[in-house]
PDB file of all heavy atoms in Angstrom:
ATOM      1  N   ALA A   1       0.837  -1.202   0.000  1.00  0.00           N
ATOM      2  CA  ALA A   1       0.000   0.000   0.000  1.00  0.00           C
ATOM      3  C   ALA A   1       0.871   1.252   0.000  1.00  0.00           C
ATOM      4  O   ALA A   1       0.595   2.226  -0.713  1.00  0.00           O
ATOM      5  CB  ALA A   1      -0.927  -0.009   1.209  1.00  0.00           C
ATOM      6  N   LEU A   2       1.942   1.255   0.804  1.00  0.00           N
ATOM      7  CA  LEU A   2       2.830   2.409   0.899  1.00  0.00           C
ATOM      8  C   LEU A   2       3.488   2.706  -0.446  1.00  0.00           C
ATOM      9  O   LEU A   2       3.526   3.869  -0.887  1.00  0.00           O
ATOM     10  CB  LEU A   2       3.903   2.154   1.962  1.00  0.00           C
ATOM     11  CG  LEU A   2       5.007   3.214   2.068  1.00  0.00           C
ATOM     12  CD1 LEU A   2       4.423   4.564   2.469  1.00  0.00           C
ATOM     13  CD2 LEU A   2       6.088   2.774   3.050  1.00  0.00           C
ATOM     14  N   TYR A   3       4.016   1.683  -1.111  1.00  0.00           N
ATOM     15  CA  TYR A   3       4.685   1.905  -2.392  1.00  0.00           C
ATOM     16  C   TYR A   3       3.699   2.446  -3.428  1.00  0.00           C
ATOM     17  O   TYR A   3       4.056   3.307  -4.249  1.00  0.00           O
ATOM     18  CB  TYR A   3       5.327   0.611  -2.887  1.00  0.00           C
ATOM     19  CG  TYR A   3       6.629   0.241  -2.196  1.00  0.00           C
ATOM     20  CD1 TYR A   3       7.069   0.912  -1.058  1.00  0.00           C
ATOM     21  CD2 TYR A   3       7.411  -0.803  -2.670  1.00  0.00           C
ATOM     22  CE1 TYR A   3       8.256   0.567  -0.428  1.00  0.00           C
ATOM     23  CE2 TYR A   3       8.610  -1.157  -2.055  1.00  0.00           C
ATOM     24  CZ  TYR A   3       9.018  -0.469  -0.928  1.00  0.00           C
ATOM     25  OH  TYR A   3      10.196  -0.819  -0.310  1.00  0.00           O
ATOM     26  N   ASN A   4       2.475   1.938  -3.408  1.00  0.00           N
ATOM     27  CA  ASN A   4       1.444   2.470  -4.315  1.00  0.00           C
ATOM     28  C   ASN A   4       1.161   3.935  -4.001  1.00  0.00           C
ATOM     29  O   ASN A   4       1.044   4.776  -4.900  1.00  0.00           O
ATOM     30  CB  ASN A   4       0.166   1.647  -4.207  1.00  0.00           C
ATOM     31  CG  ASN A   4       0.172   0.419  -5.088  1.00  0.00           C
ATOM     32  OD1 ASN A   4      -0.115   0.479  -6.274  1.00  0.00           O
ATOM     33  ND2 ASN A   4       0.512  -0.726  -4.505  1.00  0.00           N
ATOM     34  N   TYR A   5       1.036   4.241  -2.726  1.00  0.00           N
ATOM     35  CA  TYR A   5       0.755   5.611  -2.275  1.00  0.00           C
ATOM     36  C   TYR A   5       1.887   6.553  -2.711  1.00  0.00           C
ATOM     37  O   TYR A   5       1.632   7.628  -3.271  1.00  0.00           O
ATOM     38  CB  TYR A   5       0.615   5.609  -0.759  1.00  0.00           C
ATOM     39  CG  TYR A   5       0.446   6.971  -0.115  1.00  0.00           C
ATOM     40  CD1 TYR A   5      -0.820   7.523   0.071  1.00  0.00           C
ATOM     41  CD2 TYR A   5       1.555   7.694   0.320  1.00  0.00           C
ATOM     42  CE1 TYR A   5      -0.972   8.773   0.668  1.00  0.00           C
ATOM     43  CE2 TYR A   5       1.412   8.940   0.915  1.00  0.00           C
ATOM     44  CZ  TYR A   5       0.153   9.472   1.092  1.00  0.00           C
ATOM     45  OH  TYR A   5       0.011  10.701   1.673  1.00  0.00           O
ATOM     46  N   LEU A   6       3.136   6.166  -2.446  1.00  0.00           N
ATOM     47  CA  LEU A   6       4.277   7.014  -2.798  1.00  0.00           C
ATOM     48  C   LEU A   6       4.347   7.250  -4.305  1.00  0.00           C
ATOM     49  O   LEU A   6       4.596   8.376  -4.766  1.00  0.00           O
ATOM     50  CB  LEU A   6       5.577   6.365  -2.315  1.00  0.00           C
ATOM     51  CG  LEU A   6       5.742   6.196  -0.801  1.00  0.00           C
ATOM     52  CD1 LEU A   6       7.043   5.446  -0.499  1.00  0.00           C
ATOM     53  CD2 LEU A   6       5.713   7.533  -0.080  1.00  0.00           C
ATOM     54  N   PHE A   7       4.118   6.198  -5.068  1.00  0.00           N
ATOM     55  CA  PHE A   7       4.178   6.304  -6.527  1.00  0.00           C
ATOM     56  C   PHE A   7       3.100   7.258  -7.038  1.00  0.00           C
ATOM     57  O   PHE A   7       3.362   8.128  -7.876  1.00  0.00           O
ATOM     58  CB  PHE A   7       4.014   4.918  -7.143  1.00  0.00           C
ATOM     59  CG  PHE A   7       4.229   4.880  -8.639  1.00  0.00           C
ATOM     60  CD1 PHE A   7       5.516   4.806  -9.153  1.00  0.00           C
ATOM     61  CD2 PHE A   7       3.158   4.910  -9.506  1.00  0.00           C
ATOM     62  CE1 PHE A   7       5.718   4.767 -10.524  1.00  0.00           C
ATOM     63  CE2 PHE A   7       3.348   4.871 -10.879  1.00  0.00           C
ATOM     64  CZ  PHE A   7       4.635   4.798 -11.393  1.00  0.00           C
ATOM     65  N   ALA A   8       1.878   7.094  -6.519  1.00  0.00           N
ATOM     66  CA  ALA A   8       0.772   7.952  -6.965  1.00  0.00           C
ATOM     67  C   ALA A   8       1.024   9.407  -6.605  1.00  0.00           C
ATOM     68  O   ALA A   8       0.813  10.311  -7.427  1.00  0.00           O
ATOM     69  CB  ALA A   8      -0.536   7.470  -6.353  1.00  0.00           C
ATOM     70  N   LYS A   9       1.464   9.644  -5.364  1.00  0.00           N
ATOM     71  CA  LYS A   9       1.702  11.021  -4.927  1.00  0.00           C
ATOM     72  C   LYS A   9       2.813  11.672  -5.744  1.00  0.00           C
ATOM     73  O   LYS A   9       2.733  12.843  -6.107  1.00  0.00           O
ATOM     74  CB  LYS A   9       2.058  11.050  -3.440  1.00  0.00           C
ATOM     75  CG  LYS A   9       0.909  10.670  -2.511  1.00  0.00           C
ATOM     76  CD  LYS A   9      -0.243  11.654  -2.621  1.00  0.00           C
ATOM     77  CE  LYS A   9      -1.390  11.262  -1.712  1.00  0.00           C
ATOM     78  NZ  LYS A   9      -2.566  12.147  -1.895  1.00  0.00           N
ATOM     79  N   GLN A  10       3.856  10.921  -6.033  1.00  0.00           N
ATOM     80  CA  GLN A  10       4.975  11.469  -6.803  1.00  0.00           C
ATOM     81  C   GLN A  10       4.538  11.857  -8.209  1.00  0.00           C
ATOM     82  O   GLN A  10       5.006  12.857  -8.764  1.00  0.00           O
ATOM     83  CB  GLN A  10       6.098  10.445  -6.864  1.00  0.00           C
ATOM     84  CG  GLN A  10       7.372  10.965  -7.494  1.00  0.00           C
ATOM     85  CD  GLN A  10       8.424   9.876  -7.613  1.00  0.00           C
ATOM     86  OE1 GLN A  10       8.377   9.059  -8.533  1.00  0.00           O
ATOM     87  NE2 GLN A  10       9.370   9.855  -6.689  1.00  0.00           N
ATOM     88  N   LYS A  11       3.637  11.073  -8.781  1.00  0.00           N
ATOM     89  CA  LYS A  11       3.183  11.320 -10.153  1.00  0.00           C
ATOM     90  C   LYS A  11       1.975  12.258 -10.210  1.00  0.00           C
ATOM     91  O   LYS A  11       1.471  12.542 -11.303  1.00  0.00           O
ATOM     92  CB  LYS A  11       2.819   9.994 -10.836  1.00  0.00           C
ATOM     93  CG  LYS A  11       3.919   8.949 -10.826  1.00  0.00           C
ATOM     94  CD  LYS A  11       5.120   9.369 -11.637  1.00  0.00           C
ATOM     95  CE  LYS A  11       6.177   8.272 -11.683  1.00  0.00           C
ATOM     96  NZ  LYS A  11       7.398   8.703 -12.394  1.00  0.00           N
ATOM     97  N   GLY A  12       1.510  12.730  -9.040  1.00  0.00           N
ATOM     98  CA  GLY A  12       0.322  13.577  -9.031  1.00  0.00           C
ATOM     99  C   GLY A  12      -0.928  12.822  -9.418  1.00  0.00           C
ATOM    100  O   GLY A  12      -1.864  13.388 -10.004  1.00  0.00           O
ATOM    101  N   GLY A  13      -0.959  11.519  -9.090  1.00  0.00           N
ATOM    102  CA  GLY A  13      -2.070  10.669  -9.502  1.00  0.00           C
ATOM    103  C   GLY A  13      -2.975  10.266  -8.359  1.00  0.00           C
ATOM    104  O   GLY A  13      -3.031  10.920  -7.313  1.00  0.00           O
ATOM    105  N   ASP A  14      -3.680   9.149  -8.535  1.00  0.00           N
ATOM    106  CA  ASP A  14      -4.692   8.681  -7.592  1.00  0.00           C
ATOM    107  C   ASP A  14      -4.315   7.322  -7.012  1.00  0.00           C
ATOM    108  O   ASP A  14      -3.788   6.453  -7.720  1.00  0.00           O
ATOM    109  CB  ASP A  14      -6.062   8.554  -8.283  1.00  0.00           C
ATOM    110  CG  ASP A  14      -6.533   9.867  -8.869  1.00  0.00           C
ATOM    111  OD1 ASP A  14      -6.380  10.901  -8.185  1.00  0.00           O
ATOM    112  OD2 ASP A  14      -7.039   9.875 -10.014  1.00  0.00           O
ATOM    113  N   PHE A  15      -4.617   7.160  -5.739  1.00  0.00           N
ATOM    114  CA  PHE A  15      -4.376   5.917  -5.003  1.00  0.00           C
ATOM    115  C   PHE A  15      -5.731   5.411  -4.523  1.00  0.00           C
ATOM    116  O   PHE A  15      -6.462   6.112  -3.835  1.00  0.00           O
ATOM    117  CB  PHE A  15      -3.440   6.202  -3.827  1.00  0.00           C
ATOM    118  CG  PHE A  15      -3.294   5.072  -2.834  1.00  0.00           C
ATOM    119  CD1 PHE A  15      -3.005   3.791  -3.251  1.00  0.00           C
ATOM    120  CD2 PHE A  15      -3.433   5.317  -1.473  1.00  0.00           C
ATOM    121  CE1 PHE A  15      -2.859   2.758  -2.331  1.00  0.00           C
ATOM    122  CE2 PHE A  15      -3.295   4.301  -0.546  1.00  0.00           C
ATOM    123  CZ  PHE A  15      -3.003   3.019  -0.971  1.00  0.00           C
ATOM    124  N   ILE A  16      -6.071   4.188  -4.914  1.00  0.00           N
ATOM    125  CA  ILE A  16      -7.417   3.642  -4.703  1.00  0.00           C
ATOM    126  C   ILE A  16      -7.350   2.421  -3.794  1.00  0.00           C
ATOM    127  O   ILE A  16      -6.428   1.607  -3.907  1.00  0.00           O
ATOM    128  CB  ILE A  16      -8.037   3.240  -6.065  1.00  0.00           C
ATOM    129  CG1 ILE A  16      -8.171   4.472  -6.971  1.00  0.00           C
ATOM    130  CG2 ILE A  16      -9.392   2.559  -5.885  1.00  0.00           C
ATOM    131  CD1 ILE A  16      -8.226   4.108  -8.432  1.00  0.00           C
ATOM    132  N   LEU A  17      -8.340   2.280  -2.923  1.00  0.00           N
ATOM    133  CA  LEU A  17      -8.494   1.050  -2.139  1.00  0.00           C
ATOM    134  C   LEU A  17      -9.664   0.255  -2.702  1.00  0.00           C
ATOM    135  O   LEU A  17     -10.802   0.734  -2.729  1.00  0.00           O
ATOM    136  CB  LEU A  17      -8.749   1.352  -0.664  1.00  0.00           C
ATOM    137  CG  LEU A  17      -9.068   0.109   0.189  1.00  0.00           C
ATOM    138  CD1 LEU A  17      -7.878  -0.847   0.241  1.00  0.00           C
ATOM    139  CD2 LEU A  17      -9.488   0.504   1.593  1.00  0.00           C
ATOM    140  N   ARG A  18      -9.374  -0.953  -3.161  1.00  0.00           N
ATOM    141  CA  ARG A  18     -10.414  -1.858  -3.660  1.00  0.00           C
ATOM    142  C   ARG A  18     -10.384  -3.121  -2.810  1.00  0.00           C
ATOM    143  O   ARG A  18      -9.307  -3.680  -2.555  1.00  0.00           O
ATOM    144  CB  ARG A  18     -10.142  -2.189  -5.131  1.00  0.00           C
ATOM    145  CG  ARG A  18     -11.257  -2.995  -5.783  1.00  0.00           C
ATOM    146  CD  ARG A  18     -11.033  -3.109  -7.272  1.00  0.00           C
ATOM    147  NE  ARG A  18      -9.952  -4.005  -7.640  1.00  0.00           N
ATOM    148  CZ  ARG A  18      -9.074  -3.778  -8.618  1.00  0.00           C
ATOM    149  NH1 ARG A  18      -9.123  -2.652  -9.318  1.00  0.00           N
ATOM    150  NH2 ARG A  18      -8.134  -4.670  -8.901  1.00  0.00           N
ATOM    151  N   ILE A  19     -11.514  -3.566  -2.365  1.00  0.00           N
ATOM    152  CA  ILE A  19     -11.599  -4.786  -1.561  1.00  0.00           C
ATOM    153  C   ILE A  19     -11.969  -5.953  -2.469  1.00  0.00           C
ATOM    154  O   ILE A  19     -13.049  -5.968  -3.075  1.00  0.00           O
ATOM    155  CB  ILE A  19     -12.638  -4.627  -0.428  1.00  0.00           C
ATOM    156  CG1 ILE A  19     -12.222  -3.509   0.526  1.00  0.00           C
ATOM    157  CG2 ILE A  19     -12.806  -5.946   0.315  1.00  0.00           C
ATOM    158  CD1 ILE A  19     -10.925  -3.763   1.278  1.00  0.00           C
ATOM    159  N   GLU A  20     -11.075  -6.933  -2.555  1.00  0.00           N
ATOM    160  CA  GLU A  20     -11.289  -8.075  -3.452  1.00  0.00           C
ATOM    161  C   GLU A  20     -11.818  -9.248  -2.634  1.00  0.00           C
ATOM    162  O   GLU A  20     -11.055 -10.079  -2.128  1.00  0.00           O
ATOM    163  CB  GLU A  20      -9.988  -8.399  -4.182  1.00  0.00           C
ATOM    164  CG  GLU A  20      -9.516  -7.203  -5.013  1.00  0.00           C
ATOM    165  CD  GLU A  20      -8.520  -7.537  -6.109  1.00  0.00           C
ATOM    166  OE1 GLU A  20      -7.825  -8.572  -5.979  1.00  0.00           O
ATOM    167  OE2 GLU A  20      -8.433  -6.776  -7.083  1.00  0.00           O
ATOM    168  N   ASP A  21     -13.131  -9.284  -2.513  1.00  0.00           N
ATOM    169  CA  ASP A  21     -13.799 -10.268  -1.660  1.00  0.00           C
ATOM    170  C   ASP A  21     -14.589 -11.285  -2.458  1.00  0.00           C
ATOM    171  O   ASP A  21     -15.671 -11.699  -2.057  1.00  0.00           O
ATOM    172  CB  ASP A  21     -14.709  -9.547  -0.652  1.00  0.00           C
ATOM    173  CG  ASP A  21     -15.766  -8.678  -1.331  1.00  0.00           C
ATOM    174  OD1 ASP A  21     -15.652  -8.429  -2.559  1.00  0.00           O
ATOM    175  OD2 ASP A  21     -16.707  -8.253  -0.644  1.00  0.00           O
ATOM    176  N   THR A  22     -14.032 -11.700  -3.603  1.00  0.00           N
ATOM    177  CA  THR A  22     -14.749 -12.685  -4.420  1.00  0.00           C
ATOM    178  C   THR A  22     -14.740 -14.076  -3.799  1.00  0.00           C
ATOM    179  O   THR A  22     -15.628 -14.877  -4.061  1.00  0.00           O
ATOM    180  CB  THR A  22     -14.120 -12.759  -5.830  1.00  0.00           C
ATOM    181  OG1 THR A  22     -12.721 -13.047  -5.703  1.00  0.00           O
ATOM    182  CG2 THR A  22     -14.300 -11.443  -6.563  1.00  0.00           C
ATOM    183  N   ASP A  23     -13.747 -14.369  -2.973  1.00  0.00           N
ATOM    184  CA  ASP A  23     -13.667 -15.681  -2.327  1.00  0.00           C
ATOM    185  C   ASP A  23     -14.425 -15.608  -0.998  1.00  0.00           C
ATOM    186  O   ASP A  23     -13.850 -15.384   0.063  1.00  0.00           O
ATOM    187  CB  ASP A  23     -12.208 -16.075  -2.093  1.00  0.00           C
ATOM    188  CG  ASP A  23     -12.064 -17.530  -1.646  1.00  0.00           C
ATOM    189  OD1 ASP A  23     -13.094 -18.135  -1.267  1.00  0.00           O
ATOM    190  OD2 ASP A  23     -10.934 -18.048  -1.665  1.00  0.00           O
ATOM    191  N   GLN A  24     -15.731 -15.807  -1.078  1.00  0.00           N
ATOM    192  CA  GLN A  24     -16.582 -15.655   0.096  1.00  0.00           C
ATOM    193  C   GLN A  24     -16.323 -16.725   1.155  1.00  0.00           C
ATOM    194  O   GLN A  24     -16.599 -16.508   2.339  1.00  0.00           O
ATOM    195  CB  GLN A  24     -18.059 -15.672  -0.330  1.00  0.00           C
ATOM    196  CG  GLN A  24     -18.475 -14.448  -1.135  1.00  0.00           C
ATOM    197  CD  GLN A  24     -18.453 -13.170  -0.314  1.00  0.00           C
ATOM    198  OE1 GLN A  24     -19.182 -13.050   0.668  1.00  0.00           O
ATOM    199  NE2 GLN A  24     -17.621 -12.213  -0.704  1.00  0.00           N
ATOM    200  N   GLN A  25     -15.802 -17.877   0.737  1.00  0.00           N
ATOM    201  CA  GLN A  25     -15.530 -18.943   1.709  1.00  0.00           C
ATOM    202  C   GLN A  25     -14.399 -18.575   2.655  1.00  0.00           C
ATOM    203  O   GLN A  25     -14.340 -19.055   3.784  1.00  0.00           O
ATOM    204  CB  GLN A  25     -15.201 -20.244   0.975  1.00  0.00           C
ATOM    205  CG  GLN A  25     -16.398 -20.847   0.250  1.00  0.00           C
ATOM    206  CD  GLN A  25     -16.067 -22.192  -0.373  1.00  0.00           C
ATOM    207  OE1 GLN A  25     -14.911 -22.491  -0.642  1.00  0.00           O
ATOM    208  NE2 GLN A  25     -17.077 -23.010  -0.587  1.00  0.00           N
TER     209      GLN A  25
END
């Protein structure tokens, strides 16, 4: 998450949180 955040901030872009809950079991 940190590396994504740093990369987005450096590029003036967006950092998104997506929850991948397809495996309900």
